[in-house]
Amino acid sequence: MSQHLIKKQNELMLFTLVGLNVNLTFDAHPAIGPKLDPKQRFDTPLQQVFLSVPRKVWEDLLESAQQSQIPSRTHISSAMN
């Protein structure tokens, strides 16, 4: 996360929540990682960066987390029931 130079508290919280709810390694995905590069991102708000990622990428990340047993909120919730 530090490699993305996220400085604003609200963006740090958003990044963390996405990791916990979708996939802990979401930022390593080739459709997301480059968009988080500070040189490419400039001052683009993190929420806008995430909105520019296709829905299919997020769905694939969530599915991947569930299949590989990487904890996510959805996976943890289903395990508790």
PDB file of N, CA and C in Angstrom:
ATOM      1  N   MET A   1       0.822  -1.189   0.000  1.00  0.00           N
ATOM      2  CA  MET A   1       0.000   0.000   0.000  1.00  0.00           C
ATOM      3  C   MET A   1       0.864   1.250   0.000  1.00  0.00           C
ATOM      4  N   SER A   2       1.967   1.228   0.697  1.00  0.00           N
ATOM      5  CA  SER A   2       2.815   2.413   0.755  1.00  0.00           C
ATOM      6  C   SER A   2       3.358   2.779  -0.618  1.00  0.00           C
ATOM      7  N   GLN A   3       3.496   1.785  -1.505  1.00  0.00           N
ATOM      8  CA  GLN A   3       3.991   2.078  -2.846  1.00  0.00           C
ATOM      9  C   GLN A   3       3.000   2.930  -3.645  1.00  0.00           C
ATOM     10  N   HIS A   4       1.752   2.988  -3.196  1.00  0.00           N
ATOM     11  CA  HIS A   4       0.736   3.774  -3.892  1.00  0.00           C
ATOM     12  C   HIS A   4       0.675   5.211  -3.378  1.00  0.00           C
ATOM     13  N   LEU A   5       1.410   5.508  -2.350  1.00  0.00           N
ATOM     14  CA  LEU A   5       1.480   6.844  -1.753  1.00  0.00           C
ATOM     15  C   LEU A   5       0.101   7.408  -1.411  1.00  0.00           C
ATOM     16  N   ILE A   6      -0.701   6.595  -0.763  1.00  0.00           N
ATOM     17  CA  ILE A   6      -2.020   7.045  -0.331  1.00  0.00           C
ATOM     18  C   ILE A   6      -1.829   7.836   0.953  1.00  0.00           C
ATOM     19  N   LYS A   7      -2.201   9.104   0.902  1.00  0.00           N
ATOM     20  CA  LYS A   7      -1.930  10.007   2.022  1.00  0.00           C
ATOM     21  C   LYS A   7      -3.194  10.443   2.765  1.00  0.00           C
ATOM     22  N   LYS A   8      -4.304  10.523   2.065  1.00  0.00           N
ATOM     23  CA  LYS A   8      -5.533  11.006   2.695  1.00  0.00           C
ATOM     24  C   LYS A   8      -6.178   9.881   3.505  1.00  0.00           C
ATOM     25  N   GLN A   9      -6.657  10.233   4.685  1.00  0.00           N
ATOM     26  CA  GLN A   9      -7.246   9.236   5.575  1.00  0.00           C
ATOM     27  C   GLN A   9      -8.442   8.543   4.933  1.00  0.00           C
ATOM     28  N   ASN A  10      -9.307   9.295   4.254  1.00  0.00           N
ATOM     29  CA  ASN A  10     -10.487   8.678   3.654  1.00  0.00           C
ATOM     30  C   ASN A  10     -10.098   7.706   2.537  1.00  0.00           C
ATOM     31  N   GLU A  11      -9.017   7.990   1.820  1.00  0.00           N
ATOM     32  CA  GLU A  11      -8.567   7.090   0.765  1.00  0.00           C
ATOM     33  C   GLU A  11      -7.898   5.853   1.344  1.00  0.00           C
ATOM     34  N   LEU A  12      -7.201   6.023   2.448  1.00  0.00           N
ATOM     35  CA  LEU A  12      -6.594   4.884   3.130  1.00  0.00           C
ATOM     36  C   LEU A  12      -7.691   3.943   3.632  1.00  0.00           C
ATOM     37  N   MET A  13      -8.749   4.520   4.168  1.00  0.00           N
ATOM     38  CA  MET A  13      -9.873   3.712   4.639  1.00  0.00           C
ATOM     39  C   MET A  13     -10.550   2.996   3.481  1.00  0.00           C
ATOM     40  N   LEU A  14     -10.743   3.691   2.362  1.00  0.00           N
ATOM     41  CA  LEU A  14     -11.362   3.078   1.191  1.00  0.00           C
ATOM     42  C   LEU A  14     -10.508   1.914   0.682  1.00  0.00           C
ATOM     43  N   PHE A  15      -9.205   2.130   0.573  1.00  0.00           N
ATOM     44  CA  PHE A  15      -8.288   1.088   0.115  1.00  0.00           C
ATOM     45  C   PHE A  15      -8.388  -0.142   1.027  1.00  0.00           C
ATOM     46  N   THR A  16      -8.388   0.097   2.321  1.00  0.00           N
ATOM     47  CA  THR A  16      -8.461  -0.989   3.291  1.00  0.00           C
ATOM     48  C   THR A  16      -9.782  -1.737   3.191  1.00  0.00           C
ATOM     49  N   LEU A  17     -10.867  -1.000   3.089  1.00  0.00           N
ATOM     50  CA  LEU A  17     -12.184  -1.631   2.990  1.00  0.00           C
ATOM     51  C   LEU A  17     -12.322  -2.458   1.715  1.00  0.00           C
ATOM     52  N   VAL A  18     -11.792  -1.975   0.624  1.00  0.00           N
ATOM     53  CA  VAL A  18     -11.844  -2.749  -0.622  1.00  0.00           C
ATOM     54  C   VAL A  18     -11.048  -4.044  -0.455  1.00  0.00           C
ATOM     55  N   GLY A  19      -9.888  -3.946   0.160  1.00  0.00           N
ATOM     56  CA  GLY A  19      -9.094  -5.146   0.401  1.00  0.00           C
ATOM     57  C   GLY A  19      -9.826  -6.158   1.270  1.00  0.00           C
ATOM     58  N   LEU A  20     -10.470  -5.684   2.319  1.00  0.00           N
ATOM     59  CA  LEU A  20     -11.181  -6.582   3.228  1.00  0.00           C
ATOM     60  C   LEU A  20     -12.458  -7.150   2.620  1.00  0.00           C
ATOM     61  N   ASN A  21     -13.125  -6.372   1.783  1.00  0.00           N
ATOM     62  CA  ASN A  21     -14.411  -6.790   1.231  1.00  0.00           C
ATOM     63  C   ASN A  21     -14.316  -7.521  -0.095  1.00  0.00           C
ATOM     64  N   VAL A  22     -13.241  -7.312  -0.821  1.00  0.00           N
ATOM     65  CA  VAL A  22     -13.134  -7.910  -2.153  1.00  0.00           C
ATOM     66  C   VAL A  22     -12.017  -8.943  -2.195  1.00  0.00           C
ATOM     67  N   ASN A  23     -10.785  -8.489  -2.010  1.00  0.00           N
ATOM     68  CA  ASN A  23      -9.635  -9.378  -2.135  1.00  0.00           C
ATOM     69  C   ASN A  23      -8.428  -8.633  -1.549  1.00  0.00           C
ATOM     70  N   LEU A  24      -7.719  -9.284  -0.650  1.00  0.00           N
ATOM     71  CA  LEU A  24      -6.595  -8.620   0.014  1.00  0.00           C
ATOM     72  C   LEU A  24      -5.491  -8.200  -0.954  1.00  0.00           C
ATOM     73  N   THR A  25      -5.399  -8.855  -2.085  1.00  0.00           N
ATOM     74  CA  THR A  25      -4.339  -8.545  -3.053  1.00  0.00           C
ATOM     75  C   THR A  25      -4.875  -7.848  -4.303  1.00  0.00           C
ATOM     76  N   PHE A  26      -6.000  -7.163  -4.175  1.00  0.00           N
ATOM     77  CA  PHE A  26      -6.625  -6.529  -5.336  1.00  0.00           C
ATOM     78  C   PHE A  26      -5.693  -5.569  -6.057  1.00  0.00           C
ATOM     79  N   ASP A  27      -4.808  -4.916  -5.323  1.00  0.00           N
ATOM     80  CA  ASP A  27      -3.940  -3.910  -5.937  1.00  0.00           C
ATOM     81  C   ASP A  27      -2.846  -4.520  -6.805  1.00  0.00           C
ATOM     82  N   ALA A  28      -2.679  -5.839  -6.746  1.00  0.00           N
ATOM     83  CA  ALA A  28      -1.699  -6.515  -7.606  1.00  0.00           C
ATOM     84  C   ALA A  28      -2.304  -6.908  -8.958  1.00  0.00           C
ATOM     85  N   HIS A  29      -3.605  -6.758  -9.109  1.00  0.00           N
ATOM     86  CA  HIS A  29      -4.263  -7.119 -10.370  1.00  0.00           C
ATOM     87  C   HIS A  29      -3.776  -6.191 -11.479  1.00  0.00           C
ATOM     88  N   PRO A  30      -3.490  -6.745 -12.666  1.00  0.00           N
ATOM     89  CA  PRO A  30      -2.959  -5.916 -13.760  1.00  0.00           C
ATOM     90  C   PRO A  30      -3.899  -4.806 -14.240  1.00  0.00           C
ATOM     91  N   ALA A  31      -5.179  -4.933 -13.955  1.00  0.00           N
ATOM     92  CA  ALA A  31      -6.120  -3.877 -14.350  1.00  0.00           C
ATOM     93  C   ALA A  31      -6.228  -2.784 -13.288  1.00  0.00           C
ATOM     94  N   ILE A  32      -5.649  -3.032 -12.113  1.00  0.00           N
ATOM     95  CA  ILE A  32      -5.766  -2.071 -11.016  1.00  0.00           C
ATOM     96  C   ILE A  32      -4.410  -1.492 -10.630  1.00  0.00           C
ATOM     97  N   GLY A  33      -3.424  -2.341 -10.469  1.00  0.00           N
ATOM     98  CA  GLY A  33      -2.100  -1.912 -10.016  1.00  0.00           C
ATOM     99  C   GLY A  33      -1.545  -0.700 -10.742  1.00  0.00           C
ATOM    100  N   PRO A  34      -1.511  -0.729 -12.077  1.00  0.00           N
ATOM    101  CA  PRO A  34      -0.971   0.431 -12.799  1.00  0.00           C
ATOM    102  C   PRO A  34      -1.754   1.721 -12.547  1.00  0.00           C
ATOM    103  N   LYS A  35      -3.051   1.603 -12.327  1.00  0.00           N
ATOM    104  CA  LYS A  35      -3.874   2.791 -12.075  1.00  0.00           C
ATOM    105  C   LYS A  35      -3.561   3.412 -10.717  1.00  0.00           C
ATOM    106  N   LEU A  36      -2.986   2.602  -9.821  1.00  0.00           N
ATOM    107  CA  LEU A  36      -2.633   3.095  -8.491  1.00  0.00           C
ATOM    108  C   LEU A  36      -1.233   3.682  -8.445  1.00  0.00           C
ATOM    109  N   ASP A  37      -0.474   3.503  -9.507  1.00  0.00           N
ATOM    110  CA  ASP A  37       0.883   4.060  -9.572  1.00  0.00           C
ATOM    111  C   ASP A  37       0.788   5.579  -9.441  1.00  0.00           C
ATOM    112  N   PRO A  38       1.482   6.151  -8.461  1.00  0.00           N
ATOM    113  CA  PRO A  38       1.396   7.597  -8.234  1.00  0.00           C
ATOM    114  C   PRO A  38       1.732   8.434  -9.472  1.00  0.00           C
ATOM    115  N   LYS A  39       2.615   7.942 -10.317  1.00  0.00           N
ATOM    116  CA  LYS A  39       2.981   8.686 -11.524  1.00  0.00           C
ATOM    117  C   LYS A  39       1.831   8.724 -12.520  1.00  0.00           C
ATOM    118  N   GLN A  40       1.035   7.684 -12.555  1.00  0.00           N
ATOM    119  CA  GLN A  40      -0.105   7.645 -13.469  1.00  0.00           C
ATOM    120  C   GLN A  40      -1.347   8.264 -12.831  1.00  0.00           C
ATOM    121  N   ARG A  41      -1.485   8.088 -11.534  1.00  0.00           N
ATOM    122  CA  ARG A  41      -2.688   8.548 -10.829  1.00  0.00           C
ATOM    123  C   ARG A  41      -2.718  10.056 -10.628  1.00  0.00           C
ATOM    124  N   PHE A  42      -1.587  10.673 -10.422  1.00  0.00           N
ATOM    125  CA  PHE A  42      -1.497  12.103 -10.107  1.00  0.00           C
ATOM    126  C   PHE A  42      -2.389  12.416  -8.921  1.00  0.00           C
ATOM    127  N   ASP A  43      -3.330  13.319  -9.081  1.00  0.00           N
ATOM    128  CA  ASP A  43      -4.230  13.698  -7.996  1.00  0.00           C
ATOM    129  C   ASP A  43      -5.633  13.119  -8.178  1.00  0.00           C
ATOM    130  N   THR A  44      -5.765  12.098  -9.006  1.00  0.00           N
ATOM    131  CA  THR A  44      -7.071  11.487  -9.220  1.00  0.00           C
ATOM    132  C   THR A  44      -7.539  10.841  -7.915  1.00  0.00           C
ATOM    133  N   PRO A  45      -8.749  11.169  -7.466  1.00  0.00           N
ATOM    134  CA  PRO A  45      -9.253  10.560  -6.235  1.00  0.00           C
ATOM    135  C   PRO A  45      -9.318   9.034  -6.367  1.00  0.00           C
ATOM    136  N   LEU A  46      -9.008   8.342  -5.291  1.00  0.00           N
ATOM    137  CA  LEU A  46      -8.992   6.885  -5.302  1.00  0.00           C
ATOM    138  C   LEU A  46     -10.349   6.310  -5.703  1.00  0.00           C
ATOM    139  N   GLN A  47     -11.415   6.928  -5.246  1.00  0.00           N
ATOM    140  CA  GLN A  47     -12.756   6.455  -5.607  1.00  0.00           C
ATOM    141  C   GLN A  47     -12.947   6.493  -7.127  1.00  0.00           C
ATOM    142  N   GLN A  48     -12.472   7.531  -7.760  1.00  0.00           N
ATOM    143  CA  GLN A  48     -12.580   7.640  -9.214  1.00  0.00           C
ATOM    144  C   GLN A  48     -11.742   6.560  -9.900  1.00  0.00           C
ATOM    145  N   VAL A  49     -10.571   6.281  -9.352  1.00  0.00           N
ATOM    146  CA  VAL A  49      -9.718   5.219  -9.902  1.00  0.00           C
ATOM    147  C   VAL A  49     -10.463   3.888  -9.816  1.00  0.00           C
ATOM    148  N   PHE A  50     -11.035   3.591  -8.671  1.00  0.00           N
ATOM    149  CA  PHE A  50     -11.759   2.333  -8.507  1.00  0.00           C
ATOM    150  C   PHE A  50     -12.970   2.256  -9.429  1.00  0.00           C
ATOM    151  N   LEU A  51     -13.658   3.366  -9.613  1.00  0.00           N
ATOM    152  CA  LEU A  51     -14.821   3.369 -10.505  1.00  0.00           C
ATOM    153  C   LEU A  51     -14.437   3.145 -11.960  1.00  0.00           C
ATOM    154  N   SER A  52     -13.194   3.423 -12.303  1.00  0.00           N
ATOM    155  CA  SER A  52     -12.751   3.227 -13.688  1.00  0.00           C
ATOM    156  C   SER A  52     -12.391   1.769 -13.987  1.00  0.00           C
ATOM    157  N   VAL A  53     -12.333   0.947 -12.944  1.00  0.00           N
ATOM    158  CA  VAL A  53     -12.028  -0.475 -13.125  1.00  0.00           C
ATOM    159  C   VAL A  53     -13.313  -1.200 -13.514  1.00  0.00           C
ATOM    160  N   PRO A  54     -13.283  -1.990 -14.580  1.00  0.00           N
ATOM    161  CA  PRO A  54     -14.496  -2.700 -15.008  1.00  0.00           C
ATOM    162  C   PRO A  54     -15.063  -3.619 -13.918  1.00  0.00           C
ATOM    163  N   ARG A  55     -16.359  -3.688 -13.872  1.00  0.00           N
ATOM    164  CA  ARG A  55     -17.055  -4.515 -12.876  1.00  0.00           C
ATOM    165  C   ARG A  55     -16.574  -5.967 -12.919  1.00  0.00           C
ATOM    166  N   LYS A  56     -16.311  -6.467 -14.097  1.00  0.00           N
ATOM    167  CA  LYS A  56     -15.864  -7.858 -14.266  1.00  0.00           C
ATOM    168  C   LYS A  56     -14.563  -8.108 -13.498  1.00  0.00           C
ATOM    169  N   VAL A  57     -13.681  -7.138 -13.453  1.00  0.00           N
ATOM    170  CA  VAL A  57     -12.424  -7.279 -12.713  1.00  0.00           C
ATOM    171  C   VAL A  57     -12.716  -7.463 -11.230  1.00  0.00           C
ATOM    172  N   TRP A  58     -13.612  -6.643 -10.686  1.00  0.00           N
ATOM    173  CA  TRP A  58     -13.970  -6.756  -9.266  1.00  0.00           C
ATOM    174  C   TRP A  58     -14.622  -8.105  -8.985  1.00  0.00           C
ATOM    175  N   GLU A  59     -15.498  -8.539  -9.879  1.00  0.00           N
ATOM    176  CA  GLU A  59     -16.157  -9.833  -9.704  1.00  0.00           C
ATOM    177  C   GLU A  59     -15.140 -10.971  -9.727  1.00  0.00           C
ATOM    178  N   ASP A  60     -14.194 -10.907 -10.651  1.00  0.00           N
ATOM    179  CA  ASP A  60     -13.150 -11.936 -10.735  1.00  0.00           C
ATOM    180  C   ASP A  60     -12.285 -11.959  -9.481  1.00  0.00           C
ATOM    181  N   LEU A  61     -11.965 -10.775  -8.954  1.00  0.00           N
ATOM    182  CA  LEU A  61     -11.170 -10.696  -7.728  1.00  0.00           C
ATOM    183  C   LEU A  61     -11.908 -11.306  -6.539  1.00  0.00           C
ATOM    184  N   LEU A  62     -13.176 -11.012  -6.435  1.00  0.00           N
ATOM    185  CA  LEU A  62     -13.981 -11.571  -5.341  1.00  0.00           C
ATOM    186  C   LEU A  62     -14.056 -13.087  -5.465  1.00  0.00           C
ATOM    187  N   GLU A  63     -14.311 -13.558  -6.667  1.00  0.00           N
ATOM    188  CA  GLU A  63     -14.386 -15.004  -6.905  1.00  0.00           C
ATOM    189  C   GLU A  63     -13.048 -15.670  -6.598  1.00  0.00           C
ATOM    190  N   SER A  64     -11.983 -15.044  -7.015  1.00  0.00           N
ATOM    191  CA  SER A  64     -10.643 -15.569  -6.755  1.00  0.00           C
ATOM    192  C   SER A  64     -10.379 -15.680  -5.253  1.00  0.00           C
ATOM    193  N   ALA A  65     -10.769 -14.684  -4.504  1.00  0.00           N
ATOM    194  CA  ALA A  65     -10.571 -14.710  -3.050  1.00  0.00           C
ATOM    195  C   ALA A  65     -11.369 -15.840  -2.428  1.00  0.00           C
ATOM    196  N   GLN A  66     -12.573 -16.044  -2.909  1.00  0.00           N
ATOM    197  CA  GLN A  66     -13.415 -17.103  -2.354  1.00  0.00           C
ATOM    198  C   GLN A  66     -12.856 -18.474  -2.690  1.00  0.00           C
ATOM    199  N   GLN A  67     -12.340 -18.648  -3.898  1.00  0.00           N
ATOM    200  CA  GLN A  67     -11.806 -19.938  -4.310  1.00  0.00           C
ATOM    201  C   GLN A  67     -10.485 -20.265  -3.638  1.00  0.00           C
ATOM    202  N   SER A  68      -9.658 -19.270  -3.403  1.00  0.00           N
ATOM    203  CA  SER A  68      -8.339 -19.526  -2.833  1.00  0.00           C
ATOM    204  C   SER A  68      -8.325 -19.420  -1.317  1.00  0.00           C
ATOM    205  N   GLN A  69      -9.484 -19.202  -0.747  1.00  0.00           N
ATOM    206  CA  GLN A  69      -9.606 -19.082   0.700  1.00  0.00           C
ATOM    207  C   GLN A  69      -8.919 -17.846   1.251  1.00  0.00           C
ATOM    208  N   ILE A  70      -8.649 -16.844   0.395  1.00  0.00           N
ATOM    209  CA  ILE A  70      -8.152 -15.575   0.905  1.00  0.00           C
ATOM    210  C   ILE A  70      -9.317 -14.921   1.630  1.00  0.00           C
ATOM    211  N   PRO A  71      -9.142 -14.558   2.879  1.00  0.00           N
ATOM    212  CA  PRO A  71     -10.262 -13.984   3.616  1.00  0.00           C
ATOM    213  C   PRO A  71     -10.783 -12.698   2.971  1.00  0.00           C
ATOM    214  N   SER A  72     -12.062 -12.605   2.885  1.00  0.00           N
ATOM    215  CA  SER A  72     -12.741 -11.374   2.497  1.00  0.00           C
ATOM    216  C   SER A  72     -13.973 -11.299   3.379  1.00  0.00           C
ATOM    217  N   ARG A  73     -14.605 -10.179   3.429  1.00  0.00           N
ATOM    218  CA  ARG A  73     -15.771 -10.045   4.292  1.00  0.00           C
ATOM    219  C   ARG A  73     -16.835 -11.056   3.922  1.00  0.00           C
ATOM    220  N   THR A  74     -17.071 -11.249   2.621  1.00  0.00           N
ATOM    221  CA  THR A  74     -18.095 -12.185   2.160  1.00  0.00           C
ATOM    222  C   THR A  74     -17.735 -13.591   2.614  1.00  0.00           C
ATOM    223  N   HIS A  75     -16.461 -13.946   2.481  1.00  0.00           N
ATOM    224  CA  HIS A  75     -16.015 -15.286   2.872  1.00  0.00           C
ATOM    225  C   HIS A  75     -16.139 -15.473   4.382  1.00  0.00           C
ATOM    226  N   ILE A  76     -15.765 -14.480   5.137  1.00  0.00           N
ATOM    227  CA  ILE A  76     -15.836 -14.565   6.590  1.00  0.00           C
ATOM    228  C   ILE A  76     -17.287 -14.654   7.044  1.00  0.00           C
ATOM    229  N   SER A  77     -18.168 -13.878   6.420  1.00  0.00           N
ATOM    230  CA  SER A  77     -19.588 -13.903   6.787  1.00  0.00           C
ATOM    231  C   SER A  77     -20.186 -15.276   6.547  1.00  0.00           C
ATOM    232  N   SER A  78     -19.876 -15.885   5.416  1.00  0.00           N
ATOM    233  CA  SER A  78     -20.447 -17.199   5.120  1.00  0.00           C
ATOM    234  C   SER A  78     -19.875 -18.261   6.053  1.00  0.00           C
ATOM    235  N   ALA A  79     -18.640 -18.113   6.495  1.00  0.00           N
ATOM    236  CA  ALA A  79     -18.033 -19.083   7.401  1.00  0.00           C
ATOM    237  C   ALA A  79     -18.644 -19.002   8.794  1.00  0.00           C
ATOM    238  N   MET A  80     -19.169 -17.838   9.151  1.00  0.00           N
ATOM    239  CA  MET A  80     -19.725 -17.642  10.478  1.00  0.00           C
ATOM    240  C   MET A  80     -21.149 -18.177  10.583  1.00  0.00           C
ATOM    241  N   ASN A  81     -21.796 -18.399   9.455  1.00  0.00           N
ATOM    242  CA  ASN A  81     -23.191 -18.881   9.471  1.00  0.00           C
ATOM    243  C   ASN A  81     -23.276 -20.373   9.535  1.00  0.00           C
TER     244      ASN A  81
END
